[in-house]
N, C-alpha and C. Protein backbone atom coordinates (compact mmCIF):
# COMPACT_ATOMS: atom_id res chain seq x y z
N MET A 1 153.01 130.17 114.35
CA MET A 1 152.81 128.90 113.68
C MET A 1 152.40 127.82 114.66
N ARG A 2 152.87 127.87 115.91
CA ARG A 2 152.51 126.86 116.90
C ARG A 2 151.02 126.92 117.23
N GLN A 3 150.44 128.08 117.17
CA GLN A 3 149.00 128.19 117.47
C GLN A 3 148.17 127.36 116.48
N GLY A 4 148.59 127.32 115.23
CA GLY A 4 147.89 126.51 114.23
C GLY A 4 147.91 125.04 114.58
N TRP A 5 149.07 124.57 115.07
CA TRP A 5 149.18 123.16 115.45
C TRP A 5 148.33 122.87 116.69
N ASN A 6 148.30 123.81 117.64
CA ASN A 6 147.49 123.61 118.85
C ASN A 6 146.01 123.53 118.49
N SER A 7 145.57 124.38 117.56
CA SER A 7 144.17 124.36 117.14
C SER A 7 143.83 123.05 116.46
N LEU A 8 144.76 122.56 115.64
CA LEU A 8 144.55 121.30 114.95
C LEU A 8 144.47 120.15 115.95
N GLY A 9 145.32 120.15 116.94
CA GLY A 9 145.31 119.11 117.97
C GLY A 9 144.04 119.16 118.79
N LEU A 10 143.57 120.37 119.11
CA LEU A 10 142.33 120.53 119.86
C LEU A 10 141.14 120.03 119.04
N ALA A 11 141.12 120.34 117.76
CA ALA A 11 140.04 119.89 116.89
C ALA A 11 140.02 118.36 116.80
N ALA A 12 141.19 117.74 116.70
CA ALA A 12 141.26 116.29 116.63
C ALA A 12 140.77 115.66 117.94
N ALA A 13 141.13 116.26 119.07
CA ALA A 13 140.70 115.74 120.37
C ALA A 13 139.19 115.87 120.54
N LEU A 14 138.63 116.99 120.11
CA LEU A 14 137.18 117.18 120.21
C LEU A 14 136.43 116.21 119.30
N THR A 15 136.95 115.98 118.11
CA THR A 15 136.33 115.04 117.20
C THR A 15 136.34 113.63 117.78
N ALA A 16 137.45 113.23 118.35
CA ALA A 16 137.55 111.89 118.95
C ALA A 16 136.58 111.74 120.11
N SER A 17 136.47 112.75 120.96
CA SER A 17 135.56 112.66 122.10
C SER A 17 134.11 112.64 121.63
N ALA A 18 133.81 113.39 120.55
CA ALA A 18 132.45 113.38 120.02
C ALA A 18 132.10 112.00 119.47
N LEU A 19 133.05 111.34 118.82
CA LEU A 19 132.80 110.00 118.30
C LEU A 19 132.55 109.00 119.42
N VAL A 20 133.30 109.11 120.51
CA VAL A 20 133.12 108.22 121.65
C VAL A 20 131.74 108.44 122.25
N CYS A 21 131.34 109.71 122.42
CA CYS A 21 130.01 110.00 122.98
C CYS A 21 128.91 109.48 122.07
N ALA A 22 129.07 109.65 120.77
CA ALA A 22 128.05 109.18 119.83
C ALA A 22 127.92 107.67 119.89
N SER A 23 129.02 106.95 120.02
CA SER A 23 128.93 105.49 120.09
C SER A 23 128.27 105.04 121.40
N LEU A 24 128.49 105.78 122.49
CA LEU A 24 127.84 105.43 123.75
C LEU A 24 126.35 105.66 123.67
N VAL A 25 125.93 106.74 123.04
CA VAL A 25 124.51 107.02 122.88
C VAL A 25 123.87 105.97 121.98
N ALA A 26 124.54 105.58 120.91
CA ALA A 26 124.00 104.57 120.00
C ALA A 26 123.84 103.24 120.70
N ASP A 27 124.77 102.88 121.57
CA ASP A 27 124.66 101.62 122.31
C ASP A 27 123.50 101.64 123.28
N ALA A 28 123.18 102.83 123.83
CA ALA A 28 122.10 102.94 124.81
C ALA A 28 120.73 103.08 124.16
N ALA A 29 120.68 103.34 122.86
CA ALA A 29 119.40 103.53 122.17
C ALA A 29 118.63 102.21 122.12
N PRO A 30 117.30 102.29 122.28
CA PRO A 30 116.50 101.06 122.22
C PRO A 30 116.45 100.51 120.81
N SER A 31 116.18 99.21 120.71
CA SER A 31 116.08 98.59 119.39
C SER A 31 114.77 98.98 118.74
N LYS A 32 114.59 98.57 117.49
CA LYS A 32 113.38 98.92 116.74
C LYS A 32 112.16 98.18 117.26
N SER A 33 112.35 97.11 118.01
CA SER A 33 111.20 96.39 118.54
C SER A 33 110.68 97.12 119.78
N SER A 34 109.52 96.74 120.24
CA SER A 34 108.92 97.41 121.38
C SER A 34 109.69 97.08 122.66
N ALA A 35 109.28 97.72 123.74
CA ALA A 35 109.98 97.59 125.02
C ALA A 35 110.04 96.14 125.50
N ASN A 36 109.05 95.33 125.16
CA ASN A 36 109.04 93.95 125.62
C ASN A 36 109.71 93.00 124.64
N GLY A 37 110.36 93.54 123.61
CA GLY A 37 111.12 92.72 122.68
C GLY A 37 110.30 92.08 121.58
N LEU A 38 109.03 92.44 121.45
CA LEU A 38 108.19 91.86 120.43
C LEU A 38 108.22 92.71 119.16
N HIS A 39 108.19 92.03 118.02
CA HIS A 39 108.05 92.68 116.73
C HIS A 39 106.59 92.53 116.33
N GLN A 40 106.17 93.25 115.29
CA GLN A 40 104.79 93.07 114.83
C GLN A 40 104.73 92.93 113.32
N PHE A 41 103.74 92.19 112.86
CA PHE A 41 103.52 91.94 111.44
C PHE A 41 102.02 91.95 111.21
N THR A 42 101.57 92.78 110.27
CA THR A 42 100.14 92.89 109.98
C THR A 42 99.86 92.36 108.59
N GLY A 43 98.83 91.55 108.47
CA GLY A 43 98.46 90.99 107.18
C GLY A 43 97.20 90.17 107.29
N ILE A 44 96.96 89.37 106.27
CA ILE A 44 95.75 88.56 106.18
C ILE A 44 96.12 87.09 106.41
N VAL A 45 95.34 86.42 107.25
CA VAL A 45 95.57 85.01 107.55
C VAL A 45 95.25 84.18 106.31
N THR A 46 96.23 83.41 105.86
CA THR A 46 96.01 82.54 104.71
C THR A 46 95.89 81.08 105.12
N SER A 47 96.41 80.74 106.30
CA SER A 47 96.33 79.36 106.77
C SER A 47 96.55 79.36 108.29
N LEU A 48 95.86 78.46 108.97
CA LEU A 48 96.09 78.31 110.39
C LEU A 48 95.75 76.89 110.82
N ASP A 49 96.49 76.42 111.80
CA ASP A 49 96.22 75.12 112.42
C ASP A 49 96.63 75.23 113.88
N LYS A 50 96.68 74.11 114.58
CA LYS A 50 96.99 74.14 116.01
C LYS A 50 98.40 74.62 116.30
N ALA A 51 99.34 74.41 115.39
CA ALA A 51 100.75 74.73 115.66
C ALA A 51 101.24 75.99 114.97
N THR A 52 100.63 76.37 113.83
CA THR A 52 101.15 77.49 113.05
C THR A 52 100.05 78.44 112.60
N LEU A 53 100.50 79.62 112.20
CA LEU A 53 99.63 80.65 111.67
C LEU A 53 100.38 81.30 110.52
N THR A 54 99.80 81.30 109.32
CA THR A 54 100.45 81.88 108.15
C THR A 54 99.74 83.19 107.81
N VAL A 55 100.53 84.27 107.73
CA VAL A 55 99.98 85.60 107.47
C VAL A 55 100.68 86.18 106.25
N GLU A 56 99.87 86.76 105.36
CA GLU A 56 100.39 87.32 104.12
C GLU A 56 100.17 88.84 104.11
N LYS A 57 101.24 89.56 103.80
CA LYS A 57 101.15 91.01 103.63
C LYS A 57 101.09 91.26 102.14
N ARG A 58 100.10 92.01 101.69
CA ARG A 58 99.94 92.27 100.26
C ARG A 58 100.38 93.69 99.95
N GLY A 59 100.43 94.02 98.69
CA GLY A 59 100.79 95.37 98.29
C GLY A 59 102.05 95.38 97.45
N LYS A 60 102.79 96.49 97.53
CA LYS A 60 104.00 96.66 96.72
C LYS A 60 105.06 95.61 97.03
N ASN A 61 105.25 95.34 98.30
CA ASN A 61 106.26 94.38 98.74
C ASN A 61 105.58 93.21 99.46
N PRO A 62 104.92 92.32 98.74
CA PRO A 62 104.21 91.22 99.40
C PRO A 62 105.19 90.30 100.14
N ARG A 63 104.71 89.76 101.24
CA ARG A 63 105.54 88.89 102.07
C ARG A 63 104.63 87.94 102.83
N THR A 64 105.05 86.70 102.96
CA THR A 64 104.31 85.71 103.72
C THR A 64 105.20 85.20 104.84
N VAL A 65 104.64 85.16 106.06
CA VAL A 65 105.39 84.68 107.22
C VAL A 65 104.60 83.58 107.89
N VAL A 66 105.29 82.49 108.23
CA VAL A 66 104.68 81.39 108.97
C VAL A 66 105.13 81.55 110.43
N PHE A 67 104.17 81.73 111.31
CA PHE A 67 104.45 81.89 112.74
C PHE A 67 104.16 80.59 113.46
N THR A 68 105.03 80.22 114.37
CA THR A 68 104.78 79.10 115.26
C THR A 68 104.04 79.66 116.47
N ARG A 69 102.98 79.00 116.86
CA ARG A 69 102.20 79.48 118.00
C ARG A 69 102.93 79.20 119.31
N HIS A 70 103.06 80.21 120.14
CA HIS A 70 103.61 80.05 121.48
C HIS A 70 102.57 79.32 122.32
N ALA A 71 103.03 78.53 123.28
CA ALA A 71 102.12 77.75 124.11
C ALA A 71 101.12 78.63 124.84
N GLU A 72 101.51 79.85 125.20
CA GLU A 72 100.63 80.76 125.93
C GLU A 72 100.19 81.94 125.06
N MET A 73 100.06 81.71 123.76
CA MET A 73 99.68 82.78 122.84
C MET A 73 98.29 83.32 123.20
N LYS A 74 98.19 84.65 123.23
CA LYS A 74 96.92 85.31 123.53
C LYS A 74 96.33 85.82 122.22
N THR A 75 95.00 85.77 122.12
CA THR A 75 94.34 86.27 120.93
C THR A 75 93.25 87.26 121.32
N THR A 76 93.02 88.20 120.42
CA THR A 76 91.95 89.17 120.59
C THR A 76 91.15 89.17 119.29
N GLY A 77 89.86 88.89 119.38
CA GLY A 77 89.02 88.85 118.19
C GLY A 77 88.98 87.46 117.58
N ASP A 78 88.22 87.35 116.49
CA ASP A 78 88.06 86.07 115.80
C ASP A 78 89.19 85.90 114.79
N ILE A 79 89.97 84.86 114.98
CA ILE A 79 91.09 84.59 114.08
C ILE A 79 90.70 83.40 113.22
N ASP A 80 90.41 83.70 111.96
CA ASP A 80 90.08 82.66 111.00
C ASP A 80 90.70 83.04 109.67
N LYS A 81 90.54 82.17 108.70
CA LYS A 81 91.12 82.43 107.38
C LYS A 81 90.53 83.72 106.81
N ASN A 82 91.37 84.52 106.17
CA ASN A 82 91.04 85.80 105.57
C ASN A 82 90.82 86.93 106.58
N ALA A 83 91.12 86.70 107.86
CA ALA A 83 91.01 87.76 108.86
C ALA A 83 92.23 88.66 108.77
N LEU A 84 92.03 89.96 108.96
CA LEU A 84 93.14 90.91 109.03
C LEU A 84 93.64 90.91 110.46
N VAL A 85 94.93 90.59 110.65
CA VAL A 85 95.48 90.45 112.00
C VAL A 85 96.82 91.19 112.13
N THR A 86 97.15 91.50 113.36
CA THR A 86 98.49 91.96 113.70
C THR A 86 99.06 90.92 114.64
N VAL A 87 100.21 90.39 114.27
CA VAL A 87 100.87 89.34 115.06
C VAL A 87 102.05 89.97 115.78
N TYR A 88 102.11 89.80 117.08
CA TYR A 88 103.24 90.25 117.89
C TYR A 88 104.09 89.01 118.16
N TYR A 89 105.35 89.05 117.74
CA TYR A 89 106.16 87.84 117.76
C TYR A 89 107.61 88.15 118.15
N ARG A 90 108.33 87.07 118.46
CA ARG A 90 109.77 87.12 118.72
C ARG A 90 110.45 86.16 117.77
N ASP A 91 111.67 86.53 117.37
CA ASP A 91 112.50 85.62 116.60
C ASP A 91 113.30 84.79 117.59
N GLU A 92 113.06 83.49 117.59
CA GLU A 92 113.75 82.59 118.51
C GLU A 92 114.29 81.40 117.72
N GLY A 93 115.59 81.28 117.66
CA GLY A 93 116.21 80.15 116.98
C GLY A 93 115.87 80.08 115.50
N GLY A 94 115.74 81.23 114.86
CA GLY A 94 115.44 81.27 113.44
C GLY A 94 113.97 81.08 113.11
N ARG A 95 113.12 80.99 114.12
CA ARG A 95 111.68 80.85 113.91
C ARG A 95 110.97 82.08 114.46
N SER A 96 109.85 82.41 113.86
CA SER A 96 109.01 83.51 114.35
C SER A 96 107.95 82.91 115.25
N ILE A 97 108.03 83.24 116.54
CA ILE A 97 107.12 82.68 117.54
C ILE A 97 106.06 83.72 117.89
N ALA A 98 104.79 83.43 117.56
CA ALA A 98 103.68 84.35 117.83
C ALA A 98 103.31 84.30 119.31
N HIS A 99 103.33 85.46 119.96
CA HIS A 99 102.96 85.55 121.37
C HIS A 99 101.58 86.15 121.57
N ARG A 100 101.17 87.02 120.62
CA ARG A 100 99.85 87.65 120.71
C ARG A 100 99.37 87.94 119.30
N VAL A 101 98.09 87.72 119.07
CA VAL A 101 97.49 87.99 117.76
C VAL A 101 96.22 88.82 118.00
N VAL A 102 96.14 89.94 117.30
CA VAL A 102 94.97 90.82 117.40
C VAL A 102 94.29 90.86 116.05
N ALA A 103 93.02 90.42 116.02
CA ALA A 103 92.24 90.44 114.78
C ALA A 103 91.49 91.76 114.69
N LYS A 104 91.51 92.34 113.50
CA LYS A 104 90.75 93.57 113.27
C LYS A 104 89.30 93.19 113.05
N PRO A 105 88.35 94.00 113.53
CA PRO A 105 86.94 93.69 113.32
C PRO A 105 86.58 93.65 111.84
N ALA A 106 85.69 92.75 111.47
CA ALA A 106 85.31 92.57 110.07
C ALA A 106 84.70 93.83 109.49
N HIS A 107 83.94 94.59 110.27
CA HIS A 107 83.28 95.77 109.74
C HIS A 107 84.27 96.89 109.39
N SER A 108 85.44 96.90 109.99
CA SER A 108 86.43 97.94 109.67
C SER A 108 87.15 97.62 108.36
N ARG A 109 87.11 96.35 107.91
CA ARG A 109 87.75 95.96 106.66
C ARG A 109 86.82 96.15 105.48
N ALA A 110 85.54 96.09 105.73
CA ALA A 110 84.58 96.23 104.64
C ALA A 110 84.60 97.68 104.16
N GLY A 111 84.29 97.88 102.91
CA GLY A 111 84.27 99.23 102.36
C GLY A 111 83.22 100.08 103.06
N ASN A 112 83.37 101.38 102.98
CA ASN A 112 82.39 102.27 103.58
C ASN A 112 81.09 102.18 102.81
N PRO A 113 80.00 101.86 103.49
CA PRO A 113 78.72 101.78 102.79
C PRO A 113 78.27 103.17 102.39
N SER A 114 77.74 103.28 101.19
CA SER A 114 77.26 104.59 100.76
C SER A 114 75.85 104.80 101.29
N SER A 115 75.59 106.01 101.66
CA SER A 115 74.28 106.32 102.26
C SER A 115 73.30 106.76 101.22
């Protein structure tokens, strides 16, 4: 009968150590954002000015985000109204701060021309 109790104690100890190891691995896992801490949001520019950029994601779950432009924000491509862009941003103080904006070329958004 003592062997049953020893097995139960061993199983409990192994379970506890497995939980500790799992929590250590979870703490070491990287976050969902990229290595440099930036998140990304892809959509269509609906409004832009010197201080902000508003991007709308359409589809099943539409969403509109207003980004504050970072002082050193980098851009790739032509960013104008109705441009398809990917915004790389950080959440700082409850605001989404755009650090880099990449515009998709206009020809890739147009439908495939039939030959």
